[in-house]
Structures are given as structure tokens and as C-alpha cells.
Amino acid sequence: MSKKDFYQILGADKKASADELKKSYRKLAMQYHPDKNPGNKEAEAKFKEISEAYDVLKDDQKRAAYDRFGHGAFAGGMGGAGAGAGAQGFSGGFGGFGDIFEEMFGDFMGGQQRRGGAGGDGARRGADLSYEMEITLEDSFHGKEAPIKVASWQPCGGCSGSGAEKGTKADTCDTCRGMGRIRAQQGFFTVERTCPSCGGAGQTIKTPCSGCGGSGRTRKEKSLKVAIPAGVEDGTRIRLAGEGEAGLRGGPAGDLYVFLGIKPHRFFQREASNLYCRVPVPITTVALGGNIEVPTIDGKRMKVAVPSGTQTGQQFRLKGKGMTVLRSPNRGDMFVEVVVETPVNLSKRQKEILQEFAGDTNDKTNPQSAGFFEKVKGLWEDLKD
């Protein structure tokens, strides 16, 4: 059966941006994650399917190869996608002619190969987990080590993960003789299938562990520490290898993926490594010139010289006062945007001063407004004509 299109799996258009693909993946990953669907094999398969699709499409080179050649770009181990999927911790490879060849000829050309993480000892790799963590902009700037608690399947202490009651052991499956797969002759070809008796485990347990029911694992909550590097951005994914769910019957554990979200800041807006802020400045300061004091993300204060005649919207750049650049000693810049504040709640004396000032103003004092009304005057004259 042909493999489903990766874009269809993620519910995304072929012209979707990297951010749109990431958003689709995160939404589906949370929906079908095995931790939210315990015992649901269909959800587990769907989770692996969307993870496999995203692993290819998130990489520009792999995505370009897939867009041009489809699944055939990674068939037979000729592309980098299969290796990449293994590095991310998802069992199995990418489909293609290599998989069809193995399915048809089995070990005829060079030894038994079991897919899906199952071996003759019945061990199966555990599922990957995801964890949503929200941090502050300051945490992103400095980096931190954050403690988390994750509920997942862990190795059973009663049977040490074997699944068999203490003092007993699993028996070799009589149907497949421990291979986990059976062969059937179909004309010229020998076709291999998963053993129906042991489900591909290669073993059967006659006396299951009373603590785990033969699975070799129990559900527990464990505490971990996540090292968050300085400079991470919203949506960053951190992989903790081997911290996912324990495998069945002593199989290797899956991985834990921590998705970072950054809380909105009350003062700063972030764009990549740069920071932006809007500062209200009294009209007297922008008219006469002066200094304003602004906070920085590292907890310090900076003085900014405001020249006489500064207008609303004018920006001042503080070089090297922005965010930490990930895996770099450099920092971005900070941009301070001036917002001229109109005075309110004036006293009688203040109003008199302003009225006196207004009487002495001319086009040179307010060149922008004078130019604007001159344009409006011209517009009215054109309409009359």
C-alpha cells in the first residue's frame, strides 16, 4: 500500500511556511500523543506518522527532495531522512522500495531484520513524550535549568522490565520459534509477516508479572531537570534522549520533547534577537531636548539622549542591548520608540503659558502641521475647480 502524502498527514498546504508546518505538527502531536491515548494503538501509529512527516518537512533539504521525488527520495537509505528519523527517536524507517524488498524476500538476501523496535527477546521501544513549558522573556535571555514532572510508563521494579513474574522467564514462541515473524511461500516469493501468536515479540509469557501484567512497565511520575540555553525562541523544541516512556519487556525508552512557549512581556516586544519598546516622553523633553531612562532585559538601566525636536515614532538604537543570540556570545539590539505625551490636567497658569506660546508659534516652529494644512488647502481649491 502506498504511503500517505506527508503534507496531508500534517493537514498543511505544500506552500505552507515553516511556522505553519510547526503549528500543524504541534497541534496533531498533542492530540494523538500516546500519553493522552494510553493503550490506543491507532493513536500511537498516528503519532509516529505525523512525527515522521514533520521530521522530513521541517528540514529544508529533505523537504526539497521530497517535493521533487516524493517518498522515493528516501527509499533504500539513499537520502538523509531515514537516518534523521532515527536520530529523533522514532522507530522504523521511511517507506519505499527497500521496505517492499525486505517484505518480499525476508532474510533470503542476508539475515533477519525486524522493524518497529521488536526483537527476538520481545523488547519494544517506548513511545516518545511531549511536554509544554512556558518561560519568561528573562528566562530566555539568561537561560535556566527548570525542574519538571512527567507521568509516563517506567520499568517495572517487580520484574525488572522483563514482564515475567519473579523467578520465571518468558518462553520462546512455538509458532515463530523466537523470530517474531513467520514466512509463507507465495509462488516464487517467500513473504514474511508478523507472528500472530506473539505479536512479533518472539516470546510468550505464561506467568505474567503481577505488578505490570506482563508489559514490563508501570505508570509513574518522575522528576527531571531541563537545561534551557540562553537565546531560545518561542516554539523551540528540546529533546531529552531516553526520558520518554519505558519500552515493553525491557526495550529502550523513548525520548521526551519539551516545547517552549515564551510569555508576553509587559514592556518589550521581541523580533528574533532584537527587542522593541515604546516609551512615553513629556512634550517638554522632546521640545527642549533631554535624557530619558529606560530598563534593559538584563535588569539594568540605560540613559537615552533625546534631541530637541524629536517626534513621535522616532527610534533610538541601543546596540548590543537586545536578546542573547542562541549558542553565541553576541546580543541583538534594543530599539526605543518615542511616543510624545500630550499634557493633561493643566493648571490655570500652565494654560496661560501654553496660550502665550501658541501666540508666538509660526510655520518654522511647527513645520509638519503647516505643510499638512497647506496640502489640504490645495486639495480644497482643486475640488472647487
Protein backbone atom coordinates (compact mmCIF):
# COMPACT_ATOMS: atom_id res chain seq x y z
CA MET A 1 0.00 0.00 0.00
CA SER A 2 1.40 3.43 -0.95
CA LYS A 3 2.40 5.84 1.79
CA LYS A 4 0.23 8.81 2.55
CA ASP A 5 1.42 12.25 1.48
CA PHE A 6 3.35 13.99 4.28
CA TYR A 7 1.52 17.29 3.71
CA GLN A 8 -1.84 15.51 4.00
CA ILE A 9 -0.69 13.85 7.22
CA LEU A 10 0.03 17.26 8.76
CA GLY A 11 -3.06 18.85 7.19
CA ALA A 12 -0.88 21.51 5.57
CA ASP A 13 -0.59 23.01 2.11
CA LYS A 14 2.53 22.33 0.03
CA LYS A 15 3.24 26.06 0.10
CA ALA A 16 2.97 26.23 3.90
CA SER A 17 5.72 28.12 5.72
CA ALA A 18 7.97 26.51 8.32
CA ASP A 19 5.96 28.17 11.12
CA GLU A 20 2.67 26.88 9.68
CA LEU A 21 4.09 23.35 9.48
CA LYS A 22 5.32 23.59 13.06
CA LYS A 23 1.92 24.79 14.25
CA SER A 24 0.14 21.92 12.49
CA TYR A 25 2.59 19.37 13.89
CA ARG A 26 2.31 20.59 17.48
CA LYS A 27 -1.49 20.56 17.32
CA LEU A 28 -1.61 16.98 16.00
CA ALA A 29 1.19 15.78 18.30
CA MET A 30 -0.76 16.92 21.34
CA GLN A 31 -3.96 15.31 20.02
CA TYR A 32 -2.53 11.88 19.23
CA HIS A 33 0.23 11.64 21.82
CA PRO A 34 0.29 8.17 23.42
CA ASP A 35 0.35 9.74 26.87
CA LYS A 36 -3.11 11.18 26.16
CA ASN A 37 -4.29 7.98 24.49
CA PRO A 38 -2.98 5.14 26.69
CA GLY A 39 -3.38 1.74 25.08
CA ASN A 40 -4.68 3.23 21.82
CA LYS A 41 -2.56 1.64 19.10
CA GLU A 42 -4.18 3.74 16.37
CA ALA A 43 -3.22 6.97 18.18
CA GLU A 44 0.31 5.68 18.69
CA ALA A 45 0.61 4.84 15.00
CA LYS A 46 -0.80 8.25 14.05
CA PHE A 47 1.69 9.98 16.36
CA LYS A 48 4.60 8.18 14.71
CA GLU A 49 3.17 9.01 11.29
CA ILE A 50 2.95 12.76 11.93
CA SER A 51 6.37 12.76 13.62
CA GLU A 52 7.89 11.06 10.58
CA ALA A 53 6.23 13.57 8.24
CA TYR A 54 7.38 16.58 10.25
CA ASP A 55 10.92 15.24 10.56
CA VAL A 56 11.22 15.46 6.77
CA LEU A 57 9.30 18.68 6.10
CA LYS A 58 10.97 20.73 8.83
CA ASP A 59 14.35 20.26 7.12
CA ASP A 60 14.74 22.48 4.04
CA GLN A 61 16.94 20.00 2.16
CA LYS A 62 14.79 16.98 2.95
CA ARG A 63 11.65 18.93 2.08
CA ALA A 64 13.09 19.97 -1.28
CA ALA A 65 13.99 16.36 -2.05
CA TYR A 66 10.54 15.15 -1.00
CA ASP A 67 8.78 17.84 -3.06
CA ARG A 68 10.70 16.70 -6.13
CA PHE A 69 10.83 12.91 -5.73
CA GLY A 70 8.20 12.10 -3.09
CA HIS A 71 8.82 9.11 -0.83
CA GLY A 72 11.23 7.72 -3.40
CA ALA A 73 13.76 10.37 -2.35
CA PHE A 74 14.46 8.37 0.80
CA ALA A 75 13.94 4.83 -0.42
CA GLY A 76 16.65 2.25 0.19
CA GLY A 77 18.59 4.54 2.55
CA MET A 78 19.70 6.83 -0.30
CA GLY A 79 18.56 10.02 1.41
CA GLY A 80 19.21 11.51 4.81
CA ALA A 81 15.66 11.23 6.05
CA GLY A 82 15.81 7.71 7.36
CA ALA A 83 18.87 8.47 9.46
CA GLY A 84 17.30 11.69 10.64
CA ALA A 85 14.22 9.89 11.86
CA GLY A 86 16.35 7.55 13.88
CA ALA A 87 18.20 10.47 15.43
CA GLN A 88 14.92 11.95 16.60
CA GLY A 89 13.97 8.72 18.26
CA PHE A 90 11.12 7.49 16.09
CA SER A 91 11.29 3.78 15.40
CA GLY A 92 11.16 2.45 11.89
CA GLY A 93 12.43 3.99 8.68
CA PHE A 94 10.84 5.68 5.71
CA GLY A 95 8.89 3.54 3.28
CA GLY A 96 9.98 2.82 -0.25
CA PHE A 97 11.44 0.07 -2.39
CA GLY A 98 13.77 -1.03 0.44
CA ASP A 99 10.80 -1.89 2.67
CA ILE A 100 9.00 -3.71 -0.14
CA PHE A 101 12.12 -5.70 -0.92
CA GLU A 102 12.52 -6.76 2.70
CA GLU A 103 8.84 -7.67 3.00
CA MET A 104 9.01 -9.88 -0.08
CA PHE A 105 12.36 -11.59 0.39
CA GLY A 106 12.78 -11.57 4.19
CA ASP A 107 16.15 -12.93 5.22
CA PHE A 108 16.79 -14.60 1.87
CA MET A 109 19.40 -11.99 0.92
CA GLY A 110 21.21 -11.61 4.20
CA GLY A 111 19.70 -12.10 7.59
CA GLN A 112 16.52 -11.35 9.50
CA GLN A 113 15.71 -7.65 10.04
CA ARG A 114 12.95 -6.79 12.47
CA ARG A 115 11.21 -3.45 12.16
CA GLY A 116 9.26 -1.42 14.65
CA GLY A 117 11.76 -1.91 17.50
CA ALA A 118 10.81 -5.52 18.32
CA GLY A 119 13.42 -8.22 18.70
CA GLY A 120 13.57 -11.89 19.50
CA ASP A 121 13.57 -11.10 23.21
CA GLY A 122 10.16 -9.37 22.94
CA ALA A 123 11.58 -5.93 23.72
CA ARG A 124 9.92 -2.92 22.10
CA ARG A 125 10.99 0.69 22.14
CA GLY A 126 8.91 3.02 24.32
CA ALA A 127 6.86 5.88 22.94
CA ASP A 128 8.11 9.47 22.72
CA LEU A 129 6.54 12.06 25.02
CA SER A 130 5.98 15.79 24.69
CA TYR A 131 5.82 18.44 27.41
CA GLU A 132 4.65 22.06 27.11
CA MET A 133 6.69 24.56 29.17
CA GLU A 134 6.11 28.31 29.45
CA ILE A 135 9.03 30.56 30.38
CA THR A 136 9.55 34.32 30.73
CA LEU A 137 11.48 36.52 28.33
CA GLU A 138 14.08 36.95 31.07
CA ASP A 139 14.46 33.15 31.28
CA SER A 140 15.05 33.09 27.55
CA PHE A 141 17.67 35.82 27.86
CA HIS A 142 19.64 34.26 30.73
CA GLY A 143 18.90 30.56 30.19
CA LYS A 144 17.97 28.37 33.13
CA GLU A 145 17.62 24.87 34.49
CA ALA A 146 13.95 24.15 35.07
CA PRO A 147 12.51 21.23 37.06
CA ILE A 148 9.55 19.36 35.55
CA LYS A 149 7.44 16.34 36.50
CA VAL A 150 6.32 13.89 33.83
CA ALA A 151 3.88 10.99 34.24
CA SER A 152 4.87 8.09 32.00
CA TRP A 153 5.40 4.36 31.79
CA GLN A 154 8.54 3.33 33.68
CA PRO A 155 10.32 -0.05 34.03
CA CYS A 156 8.50 -2.35 36.47
CA GLY A 157 10.52 -2.87 39.63
CA GLY A 158 8.94 -6.25 40.33
CA CYS A 159 10.20 -7.95 37.17
CA SER A 160 13.00 -5.54 36.18
CA GLY A 161 11.17 -4.84 32.96
CA SER A 162 11.02 -8.45 31.72
CA GLY A 163 7.24 -8.80 32.11
CA ALA A 164 7.57 -12.26 33.70
CA GLU A 165 6.82 -12.98 37.35
CA LYS A 166 9.91 -13.03 39.52
CA GLY A 167 11.52 -16.46 39.40
CA THR A 168 10.07 -17.23 35.95
CA LYS A 169 11.01 -16.25 32.46
CA ALA A 170 9.45 -15.82 29.06
CA ASP A 171 9.26 -18.80 26.71
CA THR A 172 10.21 -18.85 23.08
CA CYS A 173 7.16 -18.59 20.86
CA ASP A 174 6.32 -22.02 19.40
CA THR A 175 4.80 -20.53 16.25
CA CYS A 176 7.72 -18.40 15.05
CA ARG A 177 10.45 -20.04 17.19
CA GLY A 178 11.54 -16.70 18.57
CA MET A 179 11.87 -14.89 15.25
CA GLY A 180 8.79 -12.70 15.72
CA ARG A 181 7.84 -13.27 12.09
CA ILE A 182 6.58 -16.18 10.03
CA ARG A 183 7.21 -16.95 6.38
CA ALA A 184 4.78 -18.14 3.76
CA GLN A 185 5.51 -19.31 0.23
CA GLN A 186 3.58 -17.47 -2.46
CA GLY A 187 4.68 -18.85 -5.81
CA PHE A 188 8.26 -17.82 -6.47
CA PHE A 189 8.39 -15.45 -3.49
CA THR A 190 8.74 -16.06 0.25
CA VAL A 191 6.70 -13.46 2.15
CA GLU A 192 7.26 -12.64 5.82
CA ARG A 193 4.57 -11.48 8.22
CA THR A 194 4.38 -10.60 11.91
CA CYS A 195 3.76 -13.67 14.02
CA PRO A 196 0.08 -13.70 15.10
CA SER A 197 0.79 -15.73 18.25
CA CYS A 198 3.29 -13.39 19.92
CA GLY A 199 2.60 -10.19 18.02
CA GLY A 200 6.18 -10.03 16.80
CA ALA A 201 7.71 -10.31 20.27
CA GLY A 202 9.25 -13.72 19.65
CA GLN A 203 8.31 -14.76 23.18
CA THR A 204 5.25 -15.67 25.21
CA ILE A 205 4.86 -15.18 28.95
CA LYS A 206 2.98 -17.93 30.75
CA THR A 207 3.28 -16.32 34.19
CA PRO A 208 2.95 -12.53 33.77
CA CYS A 209 4.29 -10.22 36.47
CA SER A 210 1.52 -9.35 38.93
CA GLY A 211 2.78 -5.79 39.15
CA CYS A 212 2.68 -4.89 35.47
CA GLY A 213 0.55 -7.62 33.90
CA GLY A 214 3.38 -8.77 31.66
CA SER A 215 4.15 -5.44 29.98
CA GLY A 216 7.35 -4.89 31.96
CA ARG A 217 6.42 -1.35 32.96
CA THR A 218 4.19 0.63 35.30
CA ARG A 219 2.91 4.20 35.19
CA LYS A 220 4.78 6.61 37.47
CA GLU A 221 5.65 10.28 37.81
CA LYS A 222 9.30 11.21 37.58
CA SER A 223 11.15 14.48 38.18
CA LEU A 224 13.56 15.85 35.60
CA LYS A 225 15.61 18.99 35.04
CA VAL A 226 15.57 20.71 31.65
CA ALA A 227 18.57 22.81 30.66
CA ILE A 228 17.24 25.79 28.70
CA PRO A 229 20.03 27.55 26.78
CA ALA A 230 20.14 31.33 26.63
CA GLY A 231 18.59 32.79 23.50
CA VAL A 232 15.84 30.21 22.84
CA GLU A 233 12.79 31.44 20.95
CA ASP A 234 9.10 30.69 21.20
CA GLY A 235 8.37 27.20 19.84
CA THR A 236 11.87 25.83 20.45
CA ARG A 237 11.92 22.03 20.89
CA ILE A 238 14.37 20.46 23.35
CA ARG A 239 14.97 16.70 23.11
CA LEU A 240 15.79 14.66 26.21
CA ALA A 241 17.02 11.33 24.87
CA GLY A 242 15.80 8.26 26.73
CA GLU A 243 13.45 10.21 29.02
CA GLY A 244 10.25 9.11 27.29
CA GLU A 245 8.20 6.03 28.08
CA ALA A 246 9.94 2.81 29.01
CA GLY A 247 9.93 0.13 26.36
CA LEU A 248 7.90 -3.07 26.61
CA ARG A 249 9.66 -6.01 28.23
CA GLY A 250 12.92 -4.19 28.82
CA GLY A 251 13.02 -2.36 25.48
CA PRO A 252 14.78 1.01 25.16
CA ALA A 253 12.96 4.10 26.36
CA GLY A 254 11.59 6.72 24.00
CA ASP A 255 12.55 10.38 24.07
CA LEU A 256 10.96 13.39 25.75
CA TYR A 257 10.39 16.53 23.69
CA VAL A 258 9.96 19.79 25.60
CA PHE A 259 8.18 22.54 23.63
CA LEU A 260 8.96 26.03 24.92
CA GLY A 261 6.49 28.91 24.89
CA ILE A 262 7.54 32.43 25.94
CA LYS A 263 5.11 34.58 27.93
CA PRO A 264 4.28 38.08 26.60
CA HIS A 265 6.43 40.75 28.27
CA ARG A 266 4.85 43.84 29.81
CA PHE A 267 7.47 46.17 28.32
CA PHE A 268 9.40 44.51 25.49
CA GLN A 269 8.37 43.00 22.16
CA ARG A 270 10.81 40.55 20.61
CA GLU A 271 11.74 40.02 16.98
CA ALA A 272 14.48 37.39 16.61
CA SER A 273 17.36 38.72 18.74
CA ASN A 274 16.16 42.34 18.81
CA LEU A 275 13.93 43.98 21.41
CA TYR A 276 11.49 46.87 20.90
CA CYS A 277 9.78 49.13 23.43
CA ARG A 278 7.63 52.26 23.29
CA VAL A 279 8.38 54.98 25.85
CA PRO A 280 6.10 57.97 26.57
CA VAL A 281 8.17 61.17 26.74
CA PRO A 282 6.93 64.55 28.07
CA ILE A 283 6.40 67.20 25.42
CA THR A 284 8.83 69.50 27.17
CA THR A 285 11.63 66.92 26.88
CA VAL A 286 11.17 66.37 23.16
CA ALA A 287 10.80 70.11 22.57
CA LEU A 288 13.83 71.24 24.56
CA GLY A 289 15.89 68.07 24.44
CA GLY A 290 16.93 65.95 27.41
CA ASN A 291 17.53 62.44 28.71
CA ILE A 292 15.19 59.56 29.47
CA GLU A 293 15.97 56.40 31.41
CA VAL A 294 14.83 53.01 30.15
CA PRO A 295 15.15 49.47 31.59
CA THR A 296 17.05 46.72 29.75
CA ILE A 297 16.36 42.98 29.65
CA ASP A 298 19.40 42.24 31.82
CA GLY A 299 17.91 44.24 34.71
CA LYS A 300 19.97 47.41 34.23
CA ARG A 301 19.06 50.97 33.22
CA MET A 302 20.20 52.99 30.23
CA LYS A 303 20.09 56.72 29.58
CA VAL A 304 18.91 57.76 26.14
CA ALA A 305 19.64 61.27 24.86
CA VAL A 306 16.54 62.77 23.22
CA PRO A 307 17.44 65.63 20.86
CA SER A 308 15.34 68.78 20.67
CA GLY A 309 12.54 68.40 18.11
CA THR A 310 12.14 64.61 18.43
CA GLN A 311 8.81 63.41 17.04
CA THR A 312 6.51 60.51 17.92
CA GLY A 313 7.65 57.28 16.27
CA GLN A 314 11.33 58.18 16.16
CA GLN A 315 13.51 55.26 17.27
CA PHE A 316 16.80 55.15 19.11
CA ARG A 317 19.03 52.10 18.81
CA LEU A 318 20.93 50.69 21.77
CA LYS A 319 23.48 48.39 20.19
CA GLY A 320 24.08 45.07 21.94
CA LYS A 321 21.28 45.58 24.49
CA GLY A 322 18.84 43.09 22.97
CA MET A 323 18.41 39.33 23.43
CA THR A 324 21.13 36.75 23.73
CA VAL A 325 21.85 35.02 20.44
CA LEU A 326 21.47 31.24 20.78
CA ARG A 327 24.83 29.45 21.09
CA SER A 328 26.71 32.72 20.63
CA PRO A 329 28.34 35.34 22.87
CA ASN A 330 26.62 38.09 20.84
CA ARG A 331 23.46 40.02 21.62
CA GLY A 332 20.88 41.71 19.46
CA ASP A 333 19.93 45.39 19.67
CA MET A 334 17.29 47.28 21.60
CA PHE A 335 15.12 49.89 19.87
CA VAL A 336 13.39 52.63 21.88
CA GLU A 337 10.44 54.27 20.13
CA VAL A 338 9.39 57.69 21.39
CA VAL A 339 5.72 58.49 22.00
CA VAL A 340 5.22 62.21 22.70
CA GLU A 341 2.86 62.64 25.64
CA THR A 342 0.32 65.47 25.46
CA PRO A 343 -0.01 67.13 28.88
CA VAL A 344 -3.35 66.76 30.70
CA ASN A 345 -4.94 68.20 33.85
CA LEU A 346 -3.30 71.58 33.25
CA SER A 347 -3.44 74.33 35.88
CA LYS A 348 -4.60 77.83 35.04
CA ARG A 349 -1.04 79.09 34.94
CA GLN A 350 0.08 76.27 32.66
CA LYS A 351 -2.76 77.02 30.23
CA GLU A 352 -1.75 80.69 30.18
CA ILE A 353 1.83 79.75 29.37
CA LEU A 354 0.73 77.48 26.53
CA GLN A 355 -1.61 80.15 25.14
CA GLU A 356 1.25 82.61 25.21
CA PHE A 357 3.47 80.07 23.47
CA ALA A 358 0.79 79.37 20.84
CA GLY A 359 0.65 83.06 20.04
CA ASP A 360 4.36 83.09 19.22
CA THR A 361 4.39 79.97 17.01
CA ASN A 362 4.80 80.08 13.24
CA ASP A 363 5.43 77.75 10.31
CA LYS A 364 9.05 77.30 11.36
CA THR A 365 8.00 76.18 14.85
CA ASN A 366 5.53 73.59 13.53
CA PRO A 367 6.74 72.71 10.01
CA GLN A 368 4.89 69.40 9.74
CA SER A 369 1.44 70.74 10.62
CA ALA A 370 2.00 73.84 8.47
CA GLY A 371 2.91 71.68 5.49
CA PHE A 372 -0.09 69.42 6.07
CA PHE A 373 -2.64 72.20 6.11
CA GLU A 374 -1.03 73.76 3.05
CA LYS A 375 -1.68 70.49 1.21
CA VAL A 376 -5.27 70.42 2.48
CA LYS A 377 -5.79 73.99 1.28
CA GLY A 378 -4.59 72.97 -2.19
CA LEU A 379 -6.95 70.00 -2.17
CA TRP A 380 -9.95 72.21 -1.37
CA GLU A 381 -9.05 74.59 -4.18
CA ASP A 382 -8.82 71.70 -6.64
CA LEU A 383 -12.27 70.47 -5.60
CA LYS A 384 -13.77 73.91 -6.20
CA ASP A 385 -12.41 73.89 -9.74
